[in-house]
Structure formats: structure tokens, C-alpha cells
Amino acid sequence: MDPRTFIPPPQRKLAPLPAIGDPAPDAPPLGQVYGPAVVAFLRHVGCPFAESTMRELSRVADLRPQVRWIAVSHASLEATHRWCSAVGASRQLELFIDEQRELYAAWGLGRSSLAHFAGPRSLASVVRMQRRGIGHRHPAGTRWQQAGMYAVDSHGAICWRHIPKHAGDLPDVEAAAAVAAS
């Protein structure tokens, strides 16, 4: 286990969370996103919640190739590729590396709190993940980064979003894909 993942990173200057109907943020390296697309900002690689999200993203992406699938990681390229291989990430996913977490900040996703990832709801969710065979892997990145998922329509507007109330509050990937594609 890498104890550095427990050190809070500096907070980035955050843009407001995009609301339903707002244009998707235009920020490098992603640029302007037009849909149908689903953009998933992951917790740190090695996190059971990130793994569960990636597995579900991959499952739905393979069923809905008409949707553009984007996953954003703040771990290094090497650590992210190793983790994606271990969790069986779909080749349908476009992967963006954002080690400085600037893309996260442009989409309104900042540093979470200790209670967010180590509170009772999150810890109970870890137990549920372990029962499903998903546990902690070697972590890379920071446990403090907030996750989020957005769906973007063909006009480039946010048409669905999920901002977790706690780390174990996982998005409904099928709902995101359905709204993006409608």
C-alpha cells in the first residue's frame, strides 16, 4: 500500500459543477465533447469503487458502441494501463490521463473529505464490494479526488450527471448511456 495516497493533495481552482443543460466544459486534453458520450472521472486506480465503475462502464460500452465512452484517471499512464488491464477495461473506452487533476477541476470535481471516502457509508460499501470479489488493489493517485460521471448529448450539453454523495455512491452507467443516446 502506498501511504502517499492518504496525503491530501492541493485543492485546484474549481469551475462550477456543470448543470443539466450547460455546455460540456471545453478543457484540454479532452477539449469540447459532443455526444452521445459518457464521461467518467474515476477515483484513484486501485480503489474498489473505481474498479466497480470501470467494470460497469466496460460492460455497457461493449453493448452500446454508438456512445462515445471516456474515462479520466489522475494516476500515471503506466499505473492506469496496468490497472485497466487487471480490471478488464473495454477497448471501447477512450482513456485520458490527468495527473494534475486540472480536467477534473474544469468539470467541477475537487478534493473530497475524509468522511467522503472513509465514512461509514463508504466503508459499508467496501464490504459489499469485497463480497462481490472487488477489493483494494495497489493504489495510484489520491484517495481524496472526487469522482463524477456526466452524459453529453449531440449538441455538447450535459444531459445527465452523477456526483457521488460518498465514495461508495456509484453511478447508474446504463441510465447515463440511455440519456446520452436519446
N, C-alpha and C. Protein backbone atom coordinates (compact mmCIF):
# COMPACT_ATOMS: atom_id res chain seq x y z
N MET A 1 0.84 -1.17 0.00
CA MET A 1 0.00 0.00 0.00
C MET A 1 0.88 1.24 0.00
N ASP A 2 0.51 2.21 -0.79
CA ASP A 2 1.26 3.46 -0.90
C ASP A 2 0.64 4.49 0.04
N PRO A 3 1.31 4.81 1.15
CA PRO A 3 0.73 5.76 2.11
C PRO A 3 0.56 7.17 1.54
N ARG A 4 1.25 7.48 0.44
CA ARG A 4 1.11 8.81 -0.16
C ARG A 4 -0.31 9.05 -0.67
N THR A 5 -1.07 7.98 -0.95
CA THR A 5 -2.44 8.17 -1.44
C THR A 5 -3.34 8.76 -0.36
N PHE A 6 -2.88 8.73 0.91
CA PHE A 6 -3.67 9.30 2.01
C PHE A 6 -3.34 10.76 2.27
N ILE A 7 -2.32 11.31 1.64
CA ILE A 7 -1.94 12.71 1.85
C ILE A 7 -2.85 13.58 0.99
N PRO A 8 -3.55 14.53 1.61
CA PRO A 8 -4.44 15.39 0.81
C PRO A 8 -3.64 16.21 -0.20
N PRO A 9 -4.04 16.18 -1.47
CA PRO A 9 -3.35 16.98 -2.48
C PRO A 9 -3.82 18.43 -2.40
N PRO A 10 -3.12 19.33 -3.04
CA PRO A 10 -3.59 20.71 -3.06
C PRO A 10 -4.94 20.79 -3.77
N GLN A 11 -5.78 21.68 -3.27
CA GLN A 11 -7.07 21.90 -3.93
C GLN A 11 -6.85 22.71 -5.20
N ARG A 12 -7.48 22.33 -6.26
CA ARG A 12 -7.42 23.06 -7.53
C ARG A 12 -8.53 24.12 -7.53
N LYS A 13 -8.33 25.16 -8.31
CA LYS A 13 -9.40 26.15 -8.50
C LYS A 13 -10.48 25.46 -9.34
N LEU A 14 -11.66 25.35 -8.75
CA LEU A 14 -12.73 24.59 -9.39
C LEU A 14 -13.67 25.47 -10.20
N ALA A 15 -14.04 24.97 -11.35
CA ALA A 15 -15.15 25.55 -12.10
C ALA A 15 -16.43 25.06 -11.43
N PRO A 16 -17.52 25.76 -11.62
CA PRO A 16 -18.78 25.26 -11.06
C PRO A 16 -19.13 23.90 -11.69
N LEU A 17 -19.82 23.06 -10.92
CA LEU A 17 -20.30 21.80 -11.47
C LEU A 17 -21.23 22.10 -12.64
N PRO A 18 -21.00 21.51 -13.80
CA PRO A 18 -21.93 21.74 -14.92
C PRO A 18 -23.31 21.18 -14.57
N ALA A 19 -24.32 21.97 -14.81
CA ALA A 19 -25.70 21.56 -14.56
C ALA A 19 -26.29 20.96 -15.83
N ILE A 20 -27.39 20.27 -15.67
CA ILE A 20 -28.11 19.73 -16.83
C ILE A 20 -28.46 20.90 -17.74
N GLY A 21 -28.12 20.76 -19.01
CA GLY A 21 -28.38 21.81 -19.99
C GLY A 21 -27.18 22.70 -20.26
N ASP A 22 -26.21 22.71 -19.36
CA ASP A 22 -25.00 23.50 -19.58
C ASP A 22 -24.14 22.85 -20.66
N PRO A 23 -23.35 23.65 -21.38
CA PRO A 23 -22.40 23.04 -22.32
C PRO A 23 -21.34 22.25 -21.54
N ALA A 24 -20.93 21.16 -22.12
CA ALA A 24 -19.83 20.39 -21.51
C ALA A 24 -18.60 21.27 -21.50
N PRO A 25 -17.82 21.27 -20.41
CA PRO A 25 -16.62 22.10 -20.36
C PRO A 25 -15.66 21.77 -21.50
N ASP A 26 -15.02 22.80 -21.98
CA ASP A 26 -14.03 22.67 -23.06
C ASP A 26 -12.66 22.86 -22.41
N ALA A 27 -12.02 21.76 -22.06
CA ALA A 27 -10.74 21.85 -21.35
C ALA A 27 -9.77 20.81 -21.89
N PRO A 28 -8.49 21.20 -22.05
CA PRO A 28 -7.50 20.22 -22.50
C PRO A 28 -7.26 19.18 -21.42
N PRO A 29 -6.88 18.00 -21.74
CA PRO A 29 -6.63 17.48 -23.08
C PRO A 29 -7.88 16.95 -23.77
N LEU A 30 -9.00 16.99 -23.09
CA LEU A 30 -10.23 16.42 -23.63
C LEU A 30 -10.84 17.29 -24.71
N GLY A 31 -10.82 18.61 -24.51
CA GLY A 31 -11.44 19.52 -25.46
C GLY A 31 -12.95 19.50 -25.33
N GLN A 32 -13.64 20.01 -26.35
CA GLN A 32 -15.11 20.05 -26.33
C GLN A 32 -15.65 18.64 -26.63
N VAL A 33 -16.57 18.19 -25.84
CA VAL A 33 -17.17 16.86 -26.01
C VAL A 33 -18.56 17.02 -26.61
N TYR A 34 -18.81 16.29 -27.68
CA TYR A 34 -20.14 16.19 -28.25
C TYR A 34 -20.55 14.73 -28.16
N GLY A 35 -21.83 14.50 -27.96
CA GLY A 35 -22.30 13.15 -27.74
C GLY A 35 -22.94 12.55 -28.97
N PRO A 36 -23.54 11.42 -28.71
CA PRO A 36 -23.75 10.88 -27.38
C PRO A 36 -22.44 10.41 -26.75
N ALA A 37 -22.22 10.85 -25.52
CA ALA A 37 -20.98 10.49 -24.82
C ALA A 37 -21.25 10.35 -23.33
N VAL A 38 -20.44 9.50 -22.71
CA VAL A 38 -20.42 9.37 -21.25
C VAL A 38 -18.98 9.62 -20.83
N VAL A 39 -18.82 10.56 -19.89
CA VAL A 39 -17.50 10.94 -19.39
C VAL A 39 -17.44 10.54 -17.92
N ALA A 40 -16.53 9.63 -17.59
CA ALA A 40 -16.39 9.13 -16.22
C ALA A 40 -15.07 9.61 -15.65
N PHE A 41 -15.14 10.35 -14.56
CA PHE A 41 -13.96 10.78 -13.81
C PHE A 41 -13.80 9.80 -12.66
N LEU A 42 -12.72 9.06 -12.68
CA LEU A 42 -12.52 7.95 -11.74
C LEU A 42 -11.86 8.40 -10.44
N ARG A 43 -12.16 7.68 -9.38
CA ARG A 43 -11.38 7.80 -8.15
C ARG A 43 -10.00 7.21 -8.45
N HIS A 44 -9.15 7.10 -7.49
CA HIS A 44 -7.80 6.60 -7.75
C HIS A 44 -7.83 5.16 -8.25
N VAL A 45 -6.87 4.81 -9.11
CA VAL A 45 -6.80 3.42 -9.55
C VAL A 45 -6.38 2.58 -8.34
N GLY A 46 -6.95 1.41 -8.24
CA GLY A 46 -6.76 0.57 -7.07
C GLY A 46 -7.94 0.63 -6.13
N CYS A 47 -8.80 1.64 -6.30
CA CYS A 47 -9.98 1.83 -5.46
C CYS A 47 -11.07 0.83 -5.89
N PRO A 48 -11.70 0.14 -4.96
CA PRO A 48 -12.76 -0.78 -5.35
C PRO A 48 -13.93 -0.09 -6.03
N PHE A 49 -14.21 1.17 -5.67
CA PHE A 49 -15.32 1.88 -6.31
C PHE A 49 -14.96 2.25 -7.75
N ALA A 50 -13.71 2.63 -7.98
CA ALA A 50 -13.26 2.90 -9.34
C ALA A 50 -13.31 1.62 -10.17
N GLU A 51 -12.92 0.51 -9.57
CA GLU A 51 -12.96 -0.77 -10.28
C GLU A 51 -14.38 -1.15 -10.65
N SER A 52 -15.29 -1.03 -9.71
CA SER A 52 -16.69 -1.35 -9.98
C SER A 52 -17.23 -0.46 -11.09
N THR A 53 -16.90 0.84 -11.04
CA THR A 53 -17.34 1.77 -12.08
C THR A 53 -16.74 1.38 -13.43
N MET A 54 -15.45 1.06 -13.46
CA MET A 54 -14.79 0.71 -14.72
C MET A 54 -15.37 -0.59 -15.30
N ARG A 55 -15.63 -1.56 -14.45
CA ARG A 55 -16.24 -2.80 -14.95
C ARG A 55 -17.61 -2.54 -15.57
N GLU A 56 -18.41 -1.70 -14.89
CA GLU A 56 -19.74 -1.39 -15.42
C GLU A 56 -19.64 -0.53 -16.68
N LEU A 57 -18.75 0.42 -16.71
CA LEU A 57 -18.50 1.20 -17.93
C LEU A 57 -18.16 0.28 -19.09
N SER A 58 -17.28 -0.64 -18.84
CA SER A 58 -16.83 -1.57 -19.88
C SER A 58 -17.97 -2.45 -20.37
N ARG A 59 -18.75 -2.95 -19.43
CA ARG A 59 -19.89 -3.82 -19.80
C ARG A 59 -20.87 -3.07 -20.70
N VAL A 60 -21.25 -1.86 -20.28
CA VAL A 60 -22.24 -1.09 -21.03
C VAL A 60 -21.63 -0.57 -22.33
N ALA A 61 -20.37 -0.17 -22.32
CA ALA A 61 -19.71 0.31 -23.54
C ALA A 61 -19.71 -0.76 -24.62
N ASP A 62 -19.48 -2.00 -24.23
CA ASP A 62 -19.47 -3.08 -25.21
C ASP A 62 -20.86 -3.33 -25.79
N LEU A 63 -21.91 -2.96 -25.04
CA LEU A 63 -23.28 -3.13 -25.52
C LEU A 63 -23.78 -1.92 -26.33
N ARG A 64 -23.15 -0.77 -26.12
CA ARG A 64 -23.61 0.48 -26.76
C ARG A 64 -22.45 1.18 -27.47
N PRO A 65 -21.96 0.61 -28.57
CA PRO A 65 -20.82 1.22 -29.27
C PRO A 65 -21.16 2.56 -29.94
N GLN A 66 -22.43 2.90 -30.05
CA GLN A 66 -22.81 4.18 -30.65
C GLN A 66 -22.56 5.36 -29.72
N VAL A 67 -22.28 5.08 -28.44
CA VAL A 67 -21.96 6.11 -27.47
C VAL A 67 -20.44 6.22 -27.36
N ARG A 68 -19.95 7.45 -27.26
CA ARG A 68 -18.53 7.68 -27.02
C ARG A 68 -18.28 7.50 -25.52
N TRP A 69 -17.31 6.69 -25.15
CA TRP A 69 -17.02 6.36 -23.76
C TRP A 69 -15.66 6.92 -23.39
N ILE A 70 -15.63 7.78 -22.39
CA ILE A 70 -14.41 8.46 -21.97
C ILE A 70 -14.19 8.20 -20.48
N ALA A 71 -13.00 7.75 -20.14
CA ALA A 71 -12.63 7.55 -18.74
C ALA A 71 -11.42 8.43 -18.45
N VAL A 72 -11.48 9.15 -17.32
CA VAL A 72 -10.40 10.06 -16.94
C VAL A 72 -9.79 9.55 -15.64
N SER A 73 -8.48 9.39 -15.63
CA SER A 73 -7.74 8.92 -14.46
C SER A 73 -6.72 9.97 -14.06
N HIS A 74 -6.48 10.11 -12.76
CA HIS A 74 -5.44 11.03 -12.31
C HIS A 74 -4.17 10.29 -11.88
N ALA A 75 -4.13 8.98 -12.11
CA ALA A 75 -2.90 8.22 -11.88
C ALA A 75 -2.03 8.33 -13.13
N SER A 76 -0.80 7.88 -13.02
CA SER A 76 0.10 7.92 -14.18
C SER A 76 -0.42 7.02 -15.29
N LEU A 77 0.07 7.26 -16.49
CA LEU A 77 -0.32 6.43 -17.64
C LEU A 77 0.02 4.97 -17.38
N GLU A 78 1.23 4.72 -16.90
CA GLU A 78 1.67 3.35 -16.63
C GLU A 78 0.78 2.68 -15.59
N ALA A 79 0.54 3.33 -14.46
CA ALA A 79 -0.30 2.75 -13.40
C ALA A 79 -1.73 2.54 -13.90
N THR A 80 -2.25 3.48 -14.68
CA THR A 80 -3.62 3.37 -15.18
C THR A 80 -3.73 2.22 -16.16
N HIS A 81 -2.78 2.08 -17.08
CA HIS A 81 -2.82 0.97 -18.04
C HIS A 81 -2.71 -0.38 -17.33
N ARG A 82 -1.83 -0.47 -16.36
CA ARG A 82 -1.69 -1.71 -15.59
C ARG A 82 -3.00 -2.06 -14.89
N TRP A 83 -3.62 -1.06 -14.27
CA TRP A 83 -4.88 -1.27 -13.56
C TRP A 83 -6.00 -1.63 -14.54
N CYS A 84 -6.09 -0.91 -15.67
CA CYS A 84 -7.13 -1.21 -16.67
C CYS A 84 -7.02 -2.64 -17.17
N SER A 85 -5.80 -3.09 -17.36
CA SER A 85 -5.59 -4.47 -17.79
C SER A 85 -6.05 -5.45 -16.71
N ALA A 86 -5.75 -5.15 -15.46
CA ALA A 86 -6.13 -6.03 -14.35
C ALA A 86 -7.63 -6.11 -14.14
N VAL A 87 -8.35 -5.01 -14.40
CA VAL A 87 -9.80 -5.00 -14.16
C VAL A 87 -10.61 -5.30 -15.42
N GLY A 88 -9.94 -5.49 -16.55
CA GLY A 88 -10.63 -5.86 -17.78
C GLY A 88 -11.36 -4.71 -18.44
N ALA A 89 -10.73 -3.54 -18.51
CA ALA A 89 -11.35 -2.38 -19.14
C ALA A 89 -11.58 -2.63 -20.63
N SER A 90 -12.70 -2.14 -21.12
CA SER A 90 -13.07 -2.30 -22.52
C SER A 90 -12.19 -1.46 -23.44
N ARG A 91 -11.96 -1.97 -24.62
CA ARG A 91 -11.23 -1.20 -25.62
C ARG A 91 -12.12 -0.12 -26.25
N GLN A 92 -13.41 -0.14 -25.93
CA GLN A 92 -14.32 0.90 -26.40
C GLN A 92 -14.07 2.23 -25.68
N LEU A 93 -13.36 2.18 -24.54
CA LEU A 93 -13.14 3.37 -23.73
C LEU A 93 -11.95 4.17 -24.23
N GLU A 94 -12.14 5.49 -24.32
CA GLU A 94 -11.02 6.41 -24.55
C GLU A 94 -10.50 6.79 -23.17
N LEU A 95 -9.22 6.69 -22.99
CA LEU A 95 -8.62 6.95 -21.69
C LEU A 95 -7.83 8.25 -21.73
N PHE A 96 -8.10 9.13 -20.76
CA PHE A 96 -7.37 10.38 -20.62
C PHE A 96 -6.68 10.39 -19.27
N ILE A 97 -5.44 10.80 -19.26
CA ILE A 97 -4.65 10.88 -18.03
C ILE A 97 -4.58 12.35 -17.61
N ASP A 98 -4.91 12.60 -16.35
CA ASP A 98 -4.96 13.96 -15.82
C ASP A 98 -4.30 13.99 -14.44
N GLU A 99 -2.97 13.75 -14.43
CA GLU A 99 -2.26 13.65 -13.16
C GLU A 99 -2.33 14.93 -12.33
N GLN A 100 -2.45 16.06 -12.96
CA GLN A 100 -2.54 17.32 -12.21
C GLN A 100 -3.98 17.64 -11.80
N ARG A 101 -4.91 16.83 -12.22
CA ARG A 101 -6.33 16.94 -11.86
C ARG A 101 -6.97 18.24 -12.36
N GLU A 102 -6.41 18.80 -13.42
CA GLU A 102 -6.94 20.04 -13.99
C GLU A 102 -8.24 19.81 -14.76
N LEU A 103 -8.33 18.68 -15.44
CA LEU A 103 -9.56 18.34 -16.15
C LEU A 103 -10.68 18.07 -15.15
N TYR A 104 -10.36 17.37 -14.07
CA TYR A 104 -11.34 17.17 -13.00
C TYR A 104 -11.87 18.53 -12.53
N ALA A 105 -10.96 19.47 -12.25
CA ALA A 105 -11.35 20.78 -11.74
C ALA A 105 -12.20 21.55 -12.76
N ALA A 106 -11.88 21.42 -14.04
CA ALA A 106 -12.65 22.10 -15.08
C ALA A 106 -14.09 21.59 -15.14
N TRP A 107 -14.30 20.35 -14.72
CA TRP A 107 -15.63 19.76 -14.69
C TRP A 107 -16.24 19.85 -13.28
N GLY A 108 -15.64 20.66 -12.41
CA GLY A 108 -16.20 20.94 -11.09
C GLY A 108 -15.91 19.91 -10.02
N LEU A 109 -14.97 19.01 -10.27
CA LEU A 109 -14.70 17.92 -9.33
C LEU A 109 -13.40 18.18 -8.58
N GLY A 110 -13.50 18.38 -7.29
CA GLY A 110 -12.34 18.72 -6.49
C GLY A 110 -11.98 17.66 -5.47
N ARG A 111 -11.34 18.13 -4.45
CA ARG A 111 -10.88 17.27 -3.37
C ARG A 111 -12.07 16.97 -2.46
N SER A 112 -12.20 15.72 -2.09
CA SER A 112 -13.28 15.31 -1.19
C SER A 112 -12.79 15.42 0.26
N SER A 113 -13.57 14.89 1.16
CA SER A 113 -13.22 14.91 2.58
C SER A 113 -12.88 13.49 3.04
N LEU A 114 -12.29 13.39 4.21
CA LEU A 114 -12.00 12.08 4.80
C LEU A 114 -13.30 11.30 4.98
N ALA A 115 -14.36 11.97 5.42
CA ALA A 115 -15.65 11.30 5.60
C ALA A 115 -16.20 10.77 4.28
N HIS A 116 -15.86 11.44 3.15
CA HIS A 116 -16.35 11.01 1.85
C HIS A 116 -15.84 9.61 1.50
N PHE A 117 -14.55 9.35 1.75
CA PHE A 117 -14.01 8.05 1.35
C PHE A 117 -13.78 7.09 2.51
N ALA A 118 -13.83 7.57 3.74
CA ALA A 118 -13.60 6.68 4.88
C ALA A 118 -14.73 6.74 5.90
N GLY A 119 -15.85 7.34 5.53
CA GLY A 119 -17.01 7.40 6.41
C GLY A 119 -17.76 6.08 6.44
N PRO A 120 -18.74 5.96 7.32
CA PRO A 120 -19.46 4.69 7.49
C PRO A 120 -20.13 4.18 6.21
N ARG A 121 -20.72 5.08 5.41
CA ARG A 121 -21.39 4.62 4.17
C ARG A 121 -20.37 4.06 3.18
N SER A 122 -19.24 4.73 3.07
CA SER A 122 -18.21 4.24 2.15
C SER A 122 -17.61 2.93 2.63
N LEU A 123 -17.33 2.83 3.92
CA LEU A 123 -16.76 1.59 4.45
C LEU A 123 -17.74 0.43 4.32
N ALA A 124 -19.03 0.69 4.53
CA ALA A 124 -20.03 -0.37 4.32
C ALA A 124 -20.05 -0.79 2.85
N SER A 125 -19.88 0.16 1.96
CA SER A 125 -19.83 -0.16 0.53
C SER A 125 -18.60 -0.97 0.18
N VAL A 126 -17.48 -0.72 0.86
CA VAL A 126 -16.27 -1.52 0.64
C VAL A 126 -16.55 -2.98 0.98
N VAL A 127 -17.25 -3.22 2.06
CA VAL A 127 -17.59 -4.59 2.46
C VAL A 127 -18.46 -5.24 1.38
N ARG A 128 -19.44 -4.50 0.86
CA ARG A 128 -20.30 -5.05 -0.21
C ARG A 128 -19.46 -5.36 -1.45
N MET A 129 -18.50 -4.49 -1.78
CA MET A 129 -17.63 -4.74 -2.93
C MET A 129 -16.82 -6.02 -2.72
N GLN A 130 -16.29 -6.20 -1.50
CA GLN A 130 -15.49 -7.39 -1.22
C GLN A 130 -16.32 -8.66 -1.39
N ARG A 131 -17.57 -8.61 -1.03
CA ARG A 131 -18.46 -9.77 -1.22
C ARG A 131 -18.67 -10.09 -2.69
N ARG A 132 -18.51 -9.08 -3.55
CA ARG A 132 -18.62 -9.26 -5.00
C ARG A 132 -17.27 -9.58 -5.63
N GLY A 133 -16.25 -9.72 -4.80
CA GLY A 133 -14.92 -10.07 -5.31
C GLY A 133 -14.09 -8.88 -5.75
N ILE A 134 -14.49 -7.67 -5.35
CA ILE A 134 -13.75 -6.46 -5.72
C ILE A 134 -13.14 -5.89 -4.45
N GLY A 135 -11.82 -5.82 -4.41
CA GLY A 135 -11.13 -5.29 -3.25
C GLY A 135 -10.12 -4.24 -3.65
N HIS A 136 -9.37 -3.78 -2.69
CA HIS A 136 -8.33 -2.80 -2.97
C HIS A 136 -7.19 -3.46 -3.74
N ARG A 137 -6.71 -2.76 -4.74
CA ARG A 137 -5.52 -3.16 -5.47
C ARG A 137 -4.45 -2.12 -5.13
N HIS A 138 -3.27 -2.29 -5.67
CA HIS A 138 -2.21 -1.32 -5.41
C HIS A 138 -2.68 0.06 -5.85
N PRO A 139 -2.79 1.02 -4.92
CA PRO A 139 -3.33 2.33 -5.29
C PRO A 139 -2.31 3.22 -5.98
N ALA A 140 -2.83 4.05 -6.86
CA ALA A 140 -2.03 5.10 -7.51
C ALA A 140 -2.95 6.30 -7.69
N GLY A 141 -2.43 7.46 -7.43
CA GLY A 141 -3.25 8.66 -7.46
C GLY A 141 -3.53 9.10 -6.03
N THR A 142 -4.67 9.71 -5.80
CA THR A 142 -5.03 10.15 -4.46
C THR A 142 -6.44 9.72 -4.10
N ARG A 143 -6.60 9.27 -2.89
CA ARG A 143 -7.91 8.85 -2.40
C ARG A 143 -8.84 10.04 -2.22
N TRP A 144 -8.29 11.24 -2.20
CA TRP A 144 -9.05 12.45 -1.91
C TRP A 144 -9.80 13.00 -3.13
N GLN A 145 -9.47 12.57 -4.32
CA GLN A 145 -10.10 13.13 -5.52
C GLN A 145 -11.54 12.66 -5.65
N GLN A 146 -12.42 13.61 -5.87
CA GLN A 146 -13.84 13.30 -6.07
C GLN A 146 -14.04 12.71 -7.46
N ALA A 147 -14.90 11.74 -7.54
CA ALA A 147 -15.28 11.13 -8.81
C ALA A 147 -16.53 11.83 -9.34
N GLY A 148 -16.91 11.51 -10.54
CA GLY A 148 -18.14 12.02 -11.12
C GLY A 148 -18.36 11.43 -12.50
N MET A 149 -19.60 11.45 -12.95
CA MET A 149 -19.91 10.95 -14.29
C MET A 149 -20.94 11.88 -14.93
N TYR A 150 -20.73 12.13 -16.22
CA TYR A 150 -21.61 13.00 -16.98
C TYR A 150 -22.00 12.32 -18.28
N ALA A 151 -23.22 12.60 -18.75
CA ALA A 151 -23.62 12.23 -20.10
C ALA A 151 -23.75 13.53 -20.89
N VAL A 152 -23.32 13.48 -22.15
CA VAL A 152 -23.33 14.65 -23.02
C VAL A 152 -24.13 14.31 -24.27
N ASP A 153 -25.03 15.22 -24.65
CA ASP A 153 -25.86 14.97 -25.82
C ASP A 153 -25.16 15.41 -27.11
N SER A 154 -25.85 15.24 -28.24
CA SER A 154 -25.24 15.53 -29.55
C SER A 154 -24.96 17.02 -29.76
N HIS A 155 -25.55 17.88 -28.94
CA HIS A 155 -25.30 19.32 -29.03
C HIS A 155 -24.17 19.76 -28.11
N GLY A 156 -23.58 18.82 -27.38
CA GLY A 156 -22.50 19.15 -26.47
C GLY A 156 -22.96 19.65 -25.11
N ALA A 157 -24.21 19.36 -24.76
CA ALA A 157 -24.76 19.80 -23.47
C ALA A 157 -24.80 18.63 -22.48
N ILE A 158 -24.62 18.96 -21.23
CA ILE A 158 -24.76 17.96 -20.17
C ILE A 158 -26.23 17.57 -20.10
N CYS A 159 -26.51 16.29 -20.19
CA CYS A 159 -27.90 15.82 -20.14
C CYS A 159 -28.15 14.87 -18.97
N TRP A 160 -27.11 14.55 -18.23
CA TRP A 160 -27.22 13.68 -17.05
C TRP A 160 -25.93 13.82 -16.28
N ARG A 161 -26.02 13.71 -14.95
CA ARG A 161 -24.79 13.72 -14.16
C ARG A 161 -25.00 12.96 -12.86
N HIS A 162 -23.89 12.44 -12.36
CA HIS A 162 -23.89 11.78 -11.06
C HIS A 162 -22.66 12.26 -10.30
N ILE A 163 -22.90 12.97 -9.21
CA ILE A 163 -21.85 13.42 -8.31
C ILE A 163 -22.05 12.64 -7.01
N PRO A 164 -21.15 11.72 -6.68
CA PRO A 164 -21.36 10.85 -5.52
C PRO A 164 -21.46 11.61 -4.20
N LYS A 165 -22.41 11.18 -3.38
CA LYS A 165 -22.55 11.74 -2.03
C LYS A 165 -21.46 11.20 -1.10
N HIS A 166 -20.95 10.02 -1.41
CA HIS A 166 -19.83 9.39 -0.71
C HIS A 166 -19.15 8.48 -1.72
N ALA A 167 -17.97 8.00 -1.41
CA ALA A 167 -17.17 7.23 -2.38
C ALA A 167 -17.89 5.98 -2.89
N GLY A 168 -18.72 5.38 -2.08
CA GLY A 168 -19.43 4.17 -2.48
C GLY A 168 -20.72 4.42 -3.23
N ASP A 169 -21.07 5.67 -3.47
CA ASP A 169 -22.29 6.05 -4.21
C ASP A 169 -21.96 5.99 -5.70
N LEU A 170 -22.22 4.85 -6.32
CA LEU A 170 -21.79 4.62 -7.70
C LEU A 170 -22.85 5.04 -8.71
N PRO A 171 -22.41 5.45 -9.89
CA PRO A 171 -23.34 5.93 -10.92
C PRO A 171 -24.07 4.79 -11.61
N ASP A 172 -25.23 5.12 -12.18
CA ASP A 172 -26.00 4.20 -13.00
C ASP A 172 -25.54 4.40 -14.44
N VAL A 173 -24.61 3.58 -14.87
CA VAL A 173 -23.98 3.75 -16.19
C VAL A 173 -25.00 3.53 -17.30
N GLU A 174 -25.90 2.58 -17.13
CA GLU A 174 -26.92 2.33 -18.17
C GLU A 174 -27.81 3.56 -18.33
N ALA A 175 -28.19 4.20 -17.23
CA ALA A 175 -29.01 5.40 -17.32
C ALA A 175 -28.26 6.52 -18.03
N ALA A 176 -26.99 6.68 -17.74
CA ALA A 176 -26.19 7.70 -18.42
C ALA A 176 -26.16 7.45 -19.93
N ALA A 177 -25.93 6.21 -20.31
CA ALA A 177 -25.88 5.88 -21.75
C ALA A 177 -27.23 6.10 -22.41
N ALA A 178 -28.31 5.71 -21.75
CA ALA A 178 -29.65 5.87 -22.32
C ALA A 178 -29.99 7.34 -22.54
N VAL A 179 -29.66 8.19 -21.57
CA VAL A 179 -29.96 9.61 -21.70
C VAL A 179 -29.08 10.23 -22.79
N ALA A 180 -27.80 9.87 -22.83
CA ALA A 180 -26.90 10.42 -23.84
C ALA A 180 -27.36 10.06 -25.25
N ALA A 181 -27.85 8.84 -25.42
CA ALA A 181 -28.23 8.35 -26.74
C ALA A 181 -29.63 8.75 -27.17
N SER A 182 -30.40 9.33 -26.24
CA SER A 182 -31.81 9.66 -26.60
C SER A 182 -31.92 10.96 -27.37
